[in-house]
Amino acid sequence: MPEPVAADATLTHLAARAREELTGNILPFWAQYAFDDSGWLRGVVHNDLSVDDAAPRHAVIVARILRTFAAASEVLPVMRDELHVTAQKAYDLLLGRFWDPVEGGVFWALNPNGSVAASHKQVYAQAFTIYSLAEWHTATGDERALANAMRTFELIEARARDLVAGGYLDALSRSWGSLEETALSDKDLSVPKSMNTNLHVMEAYTRLLRVTNDYRVREALHELVSAIIEHVVTLEPFAHCQLFFDFTWNSHVDIVSYGHDIEASWLIWDAWEALAAAGVQDPELAARAHSVALLLAEAVRTNGQDPDGGVLYEGTPNGVVNDQKQWWPQAEGVVGWLNAYQLAGRPEDRAAALAAWDFIENHVIDREHGEWFGALNRDGSVQRGGDNDLKIGPWKCPYHNARACLEIMRRVA
């Protein structure tokens, strides 16, 4: 991580606001609503707190809950015991019902009764499994967690890594063989490789390297950071991440995802810093990671942030095409611009981070029912109905907003 920023009164207040949001809203909400009395994950919880337990359960959300509560317990020792209660429920599910006892790794989804609904190995879910288990090991010293994180790492390396063109495949069959339908969601393309999967494999390996300093993890992460900067990030007509690829990194669409771009800006730099701390000497990659982090942050600030501070959803190189403001890009905006401010001291990045947090407080936080609204219109009004009308769901989780609060807290001296 870059050196913490000097804590002037405004940034000190930002860190205090983030801490209050984390401890007073996000964590209590998930501790109360994520699991039923038996410890089984809820299906869907709507904005009005009504529950639909007929929906499938997904491994990703369980892993993200585990990571969130484990990481929070490390920086909030006074809350450690109560945070571990929720983390333990997620841990028991991840290595219990979701774990494939035959082939290893986690199933993508389970039915409401706990039977397997989708047995394929979505590499995205395996990455979050590694990330969360490594974090739980850090928080508790649990050796079983670390052993299964390393086992999952080894499976990804053996079955999903492209040793010729670089990067990682999106999805494989239950037995880690080829799979025809690889799309992560109904909004994604079925392609061999995607930005999103490779970004979060990078994030998982970054955490695993910091925990283990294993030479295999170091080598894999080094190659992946290089591949992402070389093939995923493009600088034309401005810096952004291409999203969907064939085996040899030919891009399929020209969509610009502002949230993923600002998220990538700080995760790429975080990965490089983990490599440097592990002894990797690669001045060229360090310079490229530094440059890309700043260029991506600047491009999203210029093209994807409204005057009210909110981060827009999608565009193309020619402009915005989807002007809704989903919850997670707002969280990533604060961290990405704070990271850029740490790296270069640009006042524009500091202002963008503060404006994004103001937008969150003014529009995204649900003051009545808790947590954050899933999606807003461009004017800041809440979108009602459909998949966006959720507090808990397959993609609505505490990962982005809790992580943003934790990052703000550790980045402000």
Protein backbone atom coordinates (compact mmCIF):
# COMPACT_ATOMS: atom_id res chain seq x y z
CA MET A 1 0.00 0.00 0.00
CA PRO A 2 1.26 3.53 -0.66
CA GLU A 3 2.29 5.51 2.39
CA PRO A 4 -0.77 6.68 4.37
CA VAL A 5 -1.80 10.17 3.45
CA ALA A 6 -1.13 12.97 5.89
CA ALA A 7 -4.27 13.30 7.93
CA ASP A 8 -5.65 16.78 7.54
CA ALA A 9 -8.98 17.45 9.21
CA THR A 10 -11.05 16.54 6.15
CA LEU A 11 -9.39 13.18 5.56
CA THR A 12 -9.41 12.36 9.26
CA HIS A 13 -13.15 13.01 9.19
CA LEU A 14 -13.49 10.80 6.11
CA ALA A 15 -11.81 7.92 7.95
CA ALA A 16 -14.10 8.44 10.95
CA ARG A 17 -17.15 8.44 8.68
CA ALA A 18 -16.00 5.23 7.02
CA ARG A 19 -15.43 3.56 10.37
CA GLU A 20 -18.88 4.58 11.59
CA GLU A 21 -20.52 3.31 8.40
CA LEU A 22 -18.72 -0.02 8.70
CA THR A 23 -19.36 -0.63 12.39
CA GLY A 24 -22.76 1.03 12.67
CA ASN A 25 -24.46 -0.11 9.47
CA ILE A 26 -22.75 -2.58 7.12
CA LEU A 27 -21.43 -5.18 9.56
CA PRO A 28 -24.50 -5.22 11.84
CA PHE A 29 -26.82 -5.57 8.84
CA TRP A 30 -25.04 -8.62 7.51
CA ALA A 31 -24.67 -10.18 10.93
CA GLN A 32 -28.43 -9.91 11.39
CA TYR A 33 -29.78 -10.79 7.95
CA ALA A 34 -27.29 -12.92 6.01
CA PHE A 35 -28.04 -16.27 7.67
CA ASP A 36 -31.13 -17.91 9.11
CA ASP A 37 -31.24 -19.45 12.58
CA SER A 38 -29.73 -22.71 11.32
CA GLY A 39 -26.73 -20.96 9.75
CA TRP A 40 -27.99 -21.41 6.18
CA LEU A 41 -27.46 -18.49 3.83
CA ARG A 42 -30.52 -16.46 2.97
CA GLY A 43 -31.62 -16.53 -0.67
CA VAL A 44 -32.65 -12.95 -1.40
CA VAL A 45 -33.42 -10.05 0.92
CA HIS A 46 -35.20 -7.13 -0.72
CA ASN A 47 -34.87 -3.45 0.08
CA ASP A 48 -37.92 -3.64 2.36
CA LEU A 49 -36.27 -6.61 4.18
CA SER A 50 -38.73 -9.15 2.82
CA VAL A 51 -37.06 -12.52 2.23
CA ASP A 52 -37.22 -14.91 -0.74
CA ASP A 53 -35.62 -18.17 0.29
CA ALA A 54 -36.58 -19.91 -2.97
CA ALA A 55 -33.54 -18.40 -4.72
CA PRO A 56 -30.30 -20.38 -5.23
CA ARG A 57 -27.32 -19.73 -2.98
CA HIS A 58 -23.96 -18.81 -4.51
CA ALA A 59 -20.44 -19.54 -3.33
CA VAL A 60 -19.22 -16.05 -4.16
CA ILE A 61 -21.40 -14.32 -1.59
CA VAL A 62 -20.39 -16.79 1.13
CA ALA A 63 -16.71 -16.22 0.38
CA ARG A 64 -17.19 -12.46 0.35
CA ILE A 65 -18.97 -12.50 3.71
CA LEU A 66 -16.13 -14.56 5.17
CA ARG A 67 -13.50 -12.19 3.81
CA THR A 68 -15.37 -9.12 5.05
CA PHE A 69 -15.84 -10.27 8.62
CA ALA A 70 -12.37 -11.81 8.89
CA ALA A 71 -10.68 -8.64 7.63
CA ALA A 72 -12.83 -6.41 9.84
CA SER A 73 -11.93 -8.46 12.90
CA GLU A 74 -8.25 -7.77 12.29
CA VAL A 75 -8.67 -3.99 12.55
CA LEU A 76 -11.55 -3.91 15.05
CA PRO A 77 -10.26 -6.09 17.90
CA VAL A 78 -12.94 -4.88 20.29
CA MET A 79 -15.53 -6.47 17.95
CA ARG A 80 -13.47 -9.56 17.17
CA ASP A 81 -15.58 -12.19 18.91
CA GLU A 82 -18.91 -11.02 17.52
CA LEU A 83 -17.47 -10.64 14.01
CA HIS A 84 -16.09 -14.16 14.14
CA VAL A 85 -19.56 -15.54 14.84
CA THR A 86 -20.73 -14.42 11.39
CA ALA A 87 -17.42 -15.30 9.74
CA GLN A 88 -17.60 -18.81 11.17
CA LYS A 89 -21.03 -19.38 9.61
CA ALA A 90 -19.65 -18.41 6.20
CA TYR A 91 -16.52 -20.52 6.73
CA ASP A 92 -18.55 -23.59 7.68
CA LEU A 93 -20.67 -23.25 4.52
CA LEU A 94 -17.73 -22.56 2.20
CA LEU A 95 -15.79 -25.64 3.29
CA GLY A 96 -19.00 -27.58 3.96
CA ARG A 97 -21.92 -27.60 1.57
CA PHE A 98 -20.19 -25.53 -1.11
CA TRP A 99 -16.95 -27.52 -1.14
CA ASP A 100 -16.57 -30.26 -3.76
CA PRO A 101 -15.24 -33.25 -1.79
CA VAL A 102 -14.38 -35.18 -4.95
CA GLU A 103 -12.80 -32.67 -7.33
CA GLY A 104 -11.85 -29.85 -4.97
CA GLY A 105 -12.79 -26.21 -5.16
CA VAL A 106 -16.29 -24.84 -4.63
CA PHE A 107 -19.52 -25.43 -6.50
CA TRP A 108 -20.92 -22.34 -8.18
CA ALA A 109 -24.43 -22.56 -6.69
CA LEU A 110 -26.64 -24.66 -4.43
CA ASN A 111 -30.39 -25.14 -4.37
CA PRO A 112 -32.44 -23.87 -1.42
CA ASN A 113 -32.36 -27.37 0.08
CA GLY A 114 -28.56 -27.48 -0.10
CA SER A 115 -28.23 -29.81 -3.08
CA VAL A 116 -25.95 -28.82 -5.92
CA ALA A 117 -27.57 -26.50 -8.46
CA ALA A 118 -24.49 -25.68 -10.57
CA SER A 119 -21.42 -27.85 -10.15
CA HIS A 120 -19.06 -26.15 -12.62
CA LYS A 121 -15.89 -24.44 -11.48
CA GLN A 122 -16.26 -20.72 -12.10
CA VAL A 123 -12.70 -19.50 -11.58
CA TYR A 124 -14.05 -16.22 -10.19
CA ALA A 125 -15.59 -18.13 -7.27
CA GLN A 126 -12.41 -20.13 -6.71
CA ALA A 127 -10.46 -16.86 -6.51
CA PHE A 128 -12.73 -15.48 -3.81
CA THR A 129 -12.44 -18.78 -1.97
CA ILE A 130 -8.66 -18.35 -1.87
CA TYR A 131 -8.97 -14.72 -0.83
CA SER A 132 -11.40 -15.40 2.01
CA LEU A 133 -9.62 -18.47 3.37
CA ALA A 134 -6.29 -16.64 3.38
CA GLU A 135 -7.93 -13.77 5.25
CA TRP A 136 -9.52 -16.12 7.77
CA HIS A 137 -6.14 -17.75 8.35
CA THR A 138 -4.66 -14.30 8.99
CA ALA A 139 -7.41 -13.49 11.46
CA THR A 140 -7.40 -16.80 13.34
CA GLY A 141 -4.34 -18.88 12.45
CA ASP A 142 -6.63 -21.62 11.10
CA GLU A 143 -4.29 -23.97 9.22
CA ARG A 144 -7.14 -25.83 7.51
CA ALA A 145 -8.19 -22.59 5.88
CA LEU A 146 -4.72 -21.94 4.51
CA ALA A 147 -4.31 -25.52 3.35
CA ASN A 148 -7.53 -25.31 1.33
CA ALA A 149 -6.57 -21.90 -0.04
CA MET A 150 -3.32 -23.40 -1.33
CA ARG A 151 -5.12 -26.47 -2.67
CA THR A 152 -7.48 -24.23 -4.62
CA PHE A 153 -4.53 -22.19 -5.88
CA GLU A 154 -2.87 -25.36 -7.13
CA LEU A 155 -6.05 -26.45 -8.93
CA ILE A 156 -6.35 -23.08 -10.67
CA GLU A 157 -2.71 -23.18 -11.67
CA ALA A 158 -2.97 -26.73 -13.02
CA ARG A 159 -6.31 -26.41 -14.81
CA ALA A 160 -7.18 -22.77 -15.52
CA ARG A 161 -3.88 -21.03 -16.23
CA ASP A 162 -3.00 -20.33 -19.86
CA LEU A 163 0.73 -20.95 -20.00
CA VAL A 164 0.93 -19.87 -23.63
CA ALA A 165 -0.96 -16.59 -23.89
CA GLY A 166 -1.11 -15.76 -20.19
CA GLY A 167 -3.96 -15.17 -17.79
CA TYR A 168 -6.70 -17.51 -16.61
CA LEU A 169 -9.77 -19.12 -18.13
CA ASP A 170 -13.18 -18.08 -16.89
CA ALA A 171 -14.82 -21.41 -16.13
CA LEU A 172 -14.31 -25.16 -16.25
CA SER A 173 -16.44 -28.24 -15.64
CA ARG A 174 -16.85 -29.83 -12.24
CA SER A 175 -13.86 -32.05 -12.97
CA TRP A 176 -11.86 -29.00 -14.16
CA GLY A 177 -12.21 -29.87 -17.84
CA SER A 178 -13.38 -27.73 -20.72
CA LEU A 179 -16.76 -26.01 -20.52
CA GLU A 180 -18.82 -24.53 -23.34
CA GLU A 181 -20.91 -22.02 -21.35
CA THR A 182 -18.55 -19.89 -19.28
CA ALA A 183 -20.46 -16.63 -18.65
CA LEU A 184 -20.19 -15.34 -15.10
CA SER A 185 -23.75 -13.96 -15.16
CA ASP A 186 -26.54 -13.25 -17.60
CA LYS A 187 -24.98 -9.81 -18.16
CA ASP A 188 -21.64 -11.27 -19.25
CA LEU A 189 -20.41 -12.91 -22.43
CA SER A 190 -19.54 -16.59 -22.66
CA VAL A 191 -15.87 -16.23 -23.58
CA PRO A 192 -12.64 -18.02 -22.62
CA LYS A 193 -11.23 -15.07 -20.64
CA SER A 194 -12.57 -11.96 -18.98
CA MET A 195 -11.18 -8.92 -17.26
CA ASN A 196 -13.31 -9.56 -14.18
CA THR A 197 -12.06 -13.08 -13.55
CA ASN A 198 -8.42 -12.19 -14.09
CA LEU A 199 -8.71 -9.07 -11.94
CA HIS A 200 -9.96 -11.06 -8.97
CA VAL A 201 -7.52 -13.93 -9.43
CA MET A 202 -4.90 -11.19 -9.16
CA GLU A 203 -6.54 -9.86 -6.00
CA ALA A 204 -6.71 -13.33 -4.44
CA TYR A 205 -3.10 -14.11 -5.27
CA THR A 206 -2.05 -10.73 -3.85
CA ARG A 207 -3.51 -11.66 -0.47
CA LEU A 208 -2.20 -15.22 -0.66
CA LEU A 209 1.31 -13.99 -1.40
CA ARG A 210 1.26 -11.66 1.59
CA VAL A 211 0.17 -14.53 3.80
CA THR A 212 2.51 -17.24 2.52
CA ASN A 213 5.36 -15.62 0.52
CA ASP A 214 5.24 -18.86 -1.49
CA TYR A 215 7.48 -18.74 -4.56
CA ARG A 216 4.78 -20.34 -6.73
CA VAL A 217 2.27 -17.66 -5.81
CA ARG A 218 4.90 -14.98 -6.39
CA GLU A 219 5.67 -16.26 -9.88
CA ALA A 220 2.02 -16.62 -10.83
CA LEU A 221 1.12 -13.15 -9.59
CA HIS A 222 4.09 -11.58 -11.36
CA GLU A 223 3.00 -13.09 -14.66
CA LEU A 224 -0.64 -12.16 -14.15
CA VAL A 225 0.03 -8.50 -13.35
CA SER A 226 2.15 -8.32 -16.49
CA ALA A 227 -0.60 -9.95 -18.56
CA ILE A 228 -3.32 -7.63 -17.25
CA ILE A 229 -1.29 -4.51 -17.97
CA GLU A 230 -0.29 -5.83 -21.40
CA HIS A 231 -3.59 -7.27 -22.60
CA VAL A 232 -6.50 -6.01 -20.49
CA VAL A 233 -5.59 -2.35 -20.12
CA THR A 234 -5.66 -0.24 -23.26
CA LEU A 235 -4.68 3.41 -23.47
CA GLU A 236 -6.75 4.22 -26.55
CA PRO A 237 -8.58 6.56 -26.80
CA PHE A 238 -8.11 6.84 -23.02
CA ALA A 239 -7.06 4.38 -20.35
CA HIS A 240 -9.64 1.69 -19.66
CA CYS A 241 -9.92 -2.07 -19.25
CA GLN A 242 -11.22 -4.24 -22.05
CA LEU A 243 -13.71 -6.76 -20.72
CA PHE A 244 -14.15 -9.95 -22.76
CA PHE A 245 -11.54 -11.90 -24.73
CA ASP A 246 -10.79 -14.96 -26.78
CA PHE A 247 -7.84 -17.21 -25.88
CA THR A 248 -5.28 -14.83 -27.37
CA TRP A 249 -6.66 -11.64 -25.80
CA ASN A 250 -8.61 -10.30 -28.76
CA SER A 251 -11.31 -8.03 -27.31
CA HIS A 252 -14.98 -8.76 -28.11
CA VAL A 253 -16.69 -5.50 -27.10
CA ASP A 254 -15.88 -1.82 -26.67
CA ILE A 255 -17.84 -1.34 -23.43
CA VAL A 256 -16.13 0.72 -20.73
CA SER A 257 -17.01 -0.29 -17.16
CA TYR A 258 -16.15 2.72 -15.02
CA GLY A 259 -16.48 0.79 -11.78
CA HIS A 260 -14.15 -1.97 -12.90
CA ASP A 261 -11.65 0.56 -14.22
CA ILE A 262 -11.36 2.49 -10.97
CA GLU A 263 -11.24 -0.81 -9.04
CA ALA A 264 -8.48 -2.10 -11.30
CA SER A 265 -6.50 1.10 -10.80
CA TRP A 266 -5.82 0.37 -7.16
CA LEU A 267 -5.81 -3.44 -7.28
CA ILE A 268 -3.04 -3.43 -9.91
CA TRP A 269 -0.90 -1.18 -7.74
CA ASP A 270 -1.70 -3.24 -4.63
CA ALA A 271 -0.57 -6.38 -6.45
CA TRP A 272 2.69 -4.75 -7.49
CA GLU A 273 3.37 -3.66 -3.91
CA ALA A 274 2.85 -7.22 -2.71
CA LEU A 275 5.34 -8.42 -5.32
CA ALA A 276 7.87 -5.78 -4.31
CA ALA A 277 7.47 -6.69 -0.64
CA ALA A 278 8.11 -10.32 -1.60
CA GLY A 279 11.42 -9.38 -3.21
CA VAL A 280 10.47 -9.09 -6.88
CA GLN A 281 12.70 -6.64 -8.73
CA ASP A 282 11.11 -5.49 -11.97
CA PRO A 283 11.52 -1.72 -12.45
CA GLU A 284 9.70 -1.77 -15.78
CA LEU A 285 6.61 -3.45 -14.34
CA ALA A 286 6.68 -1.15 -11.33
CA ALA A 287 6.71 1.91 -13.60
CA ARG A 288 3.92 0.52 -15.77
CA ALA A 289 1.76 -0.37 -12.76
CA HIS A 290 2.25 3.12 -11.33
CA SER A 291 1.39 4.77 -14.65
CA VAL A 292 -1.66 2.58 -15.30
CA ALA A 293 -3.04 3.18 -11.81
CA LEU A 294 -2.93 6.93 -12.33
CA LEU A 295 -4.18 6.87 -15.93
CA LEU A 296 -7.18 4.69 -15.07
CA ALA A 297 -8.09 6.89 -12.10
CA GLU A 298 -7.85 10.01 -14.22
CA ALA A 299 -9.89 8.52 -17.06
CA VAL A 300 -12.77 7.47 -14.79
CA ARG A 301 -12.69 10.83 -13.03
CA THR A 302 -12.89 12.58 -16.40
CA ASN A 303 -15.37 10.31 -18.21
CA GLY A 304 -17.32 8.41 -15.57
CA GLN A 305 -17.92 10.66 -12.56
CA ASP A 306 -20.87 13.04 -12.39
CA PRO A 307 -20.66 16.50 -10.79
CA ASP A 308 -22.58 15.10 -7.80
CA GLY A 309 -19.70 12.67 -7.15
CA GLY A 310 -21.51 9.54 -8.31
CA VAL A 311 -19.78 7.02 -10.55
CA LEU A 312 -21.72 6.08 -13.68
CA TYR A 313 -22.11 2.48 -14.78
CA GLU A 314 -20.99 2.00 -18.39
CA GLY A 315 -19.86 3.80 -21.49
CA THR A 316 -17.95 3.33 -24.72
CA PRO A 317 -14.96 5.27 -26.00
CA ASN A 318 -17.55 7.71 -27.36
CA GLY A 319 -19.35 8.44 -24.09
CA VAL A 320 -21.79 7.19 -21.44
CA VAL A 321 -24.32 4.54 -22.52
CA ASN A 322 -25.69 3.45 -19.13
CA ASP A 323 -26.06 6.27 -16.63
CA GLN A 324 -27.36 4.36 -13.62
CA LYS A 325 -25.27 4.50 -10.46
CA GLN A 326 -24.88 1.10 -8.89
CA TRP A 327 -23.70 0.77 -5.33
CA TRP A 328 -20.36 -0.92 -5.89
CA PRO A 329 -18.66 1.56 -8.29
CA GLN A 330 -19.26 4.28 -5.70
CA ALA A 331 -17.25 2.32 -3.14
CA GLU A 332 -14.48 1.57 -5.64
CA GLY A 333 -14.34 5.23 -6.63
CA VAL A 334 -13.44 6.36 -3.14
CA VAL A 335 -10.61 3.83 -2.82
CA GLY A 336 -9.31 4.23 -6.36
CA TRP A 337 -9.04 8.02 -6.15
CA LEU A 338 -7.62 7.91 -2.64
CA ASN A 339 -4.98 5.48 -3.92
CA ALA A 340 -4.18 7.80 -6.83
CA TYR A 341 -3.88 10.73 -4.43
CA GLN A 342 -1.44 8.72 -2.35
CA LEU A 343 0.63 7.90 -5.43
CA ALA A 344 0.81 11.33 -7.06
CA GLY A 345 -0.71 13.92 -4.73
CA ARG A 346 -3.09 15.22 -7.39
CA PRO A 347 -5.72 17.40 -5.71
CA GLU A 348 -8.28 16.33 -8.32
CA ASP A 349 -8.09 12.74 -7.05
CA ARG A 350 -8.55 13.82 -3.45
CA ALA A 351 -11.58 15.87 -4.42
CA ALA A 352 -13.03 12.98 -6.45
CA ALA A 353 -12.68 10.56 -3.52
CA LEU A 354 -14.38 12.97 -1.13
CA ALA A 355 -17.17 13.69 -3.62
CA ALA A 356 -17.78 9.97 -4.14
CA TRP A 357 -18.11 9.43 -0.40
CA ASP A 358 -20.49 12.39 -0.13
CA PHE A 359 -22.64 10.81 -2.85
CA ILE A 360 -22.68 7.55 -0.92
CA GLU A 361 -23.82 9.26 2.26
CA ASN A 362 -26.36 11.45 0.52
CA HIS A 363 -27.94 8.84 -1.74
CA VAL A 364 -26.70 5.24 -1.46
CA ILE A 365 -26.94 4.43 2.25
CA ASP A 366 -30.42 3.26 3.25
CA ARG A 367 -31.16 5.18 6.45
CA GLU A 368 -34.42 3.30 7.04
CA HIS A 369 -33.67 -0.39 6.50
CA GLY A 370 -29.87 -0.42 6.60
CA GLU A 371 -27.09 -1.35 4.16
CA TRP A 372 -26.87 0.31 0.72
CA PHE A 373 -29.34 0.55 -2.13
CA GLY A 374 -28.33 -1.59 -5.10
CA ALA A 375 -28.85 0.91 -7.90
CA LEU A 376 -29.85 4.51 -8.40
CA ASN A 377 -30.89 6.64 -11.33
CA ARG A 378 -28.53 9.33 -12.53
CA ASP A 379 -30.30 11.95 -10.39
CA GLY A 380 -29.66 9.89 -7.26
CA SER A 381 -33.18 8.51 -6.87
CA VAL A 382 -33.44 4.83 -5.95
CA GLN A 383 -34.33 2.32 -8.65
CA ARG A 384 -37.21 0.10 -7.57
CA GLY A 385 -38.07 -3.43 -8.64
CA GLY A 386 -36.14 -6.15 -10.42
CA ASP A 387 -32.65 -7.39 -9.63
CA ASN A 388 -31.55 -3.99 -8.32
CA ASP A 389 -34.15 -3.99 -5.54
CA LEU A 390 -31.97 -6.14 -3.30
CA LYS A 391 -29.98 -5.83 -0.10
CA ILE A 392 -28.77 -9.43 -0.29
CA GLY A 393 -28.49 -11.47 -3.47
CA PRO A 394 -25.99 -13.37 -5.63
CA TRP A 395 -24.12 -10.14 -6.41
CA LYS A 396 -25.28 -7.89 -3.57
CA CYS A 397 -22.91 -8.43 -0.70
CA PRO A 398 -20.70 -6.56 1.81
CA TYR A 399 -17.53 -7.01 -0.22
CA HIS A 400 -17.21 -3.65 -2.00
CA ASN A 401 -18.61 -1.30 0.61
CA ALA A 402 -17.00 -2.92 3.66
CA ARG A 403 -13.69 -3.22 1.83
CA ALA A 404 -13.88 0.47 0.90
CA CYS A 405 -14.37 1.43 4.54
CA LEU A 406 -11.45 -0.75 5.61
CA GLU A 407 -9.23 0.69 2.87
CA ILE A 408 -10.07 4.28 3.82
CA MET A 409 -9.30 3.54 7.46
CA ARG A 410 -5.87 2.07 6.68
CA ARG A 411 -4.91 4.64 4.07
CA VAL A 412 -5.46 7.72 6.24
CA ALA A 413 -2.71 8.20 8.78
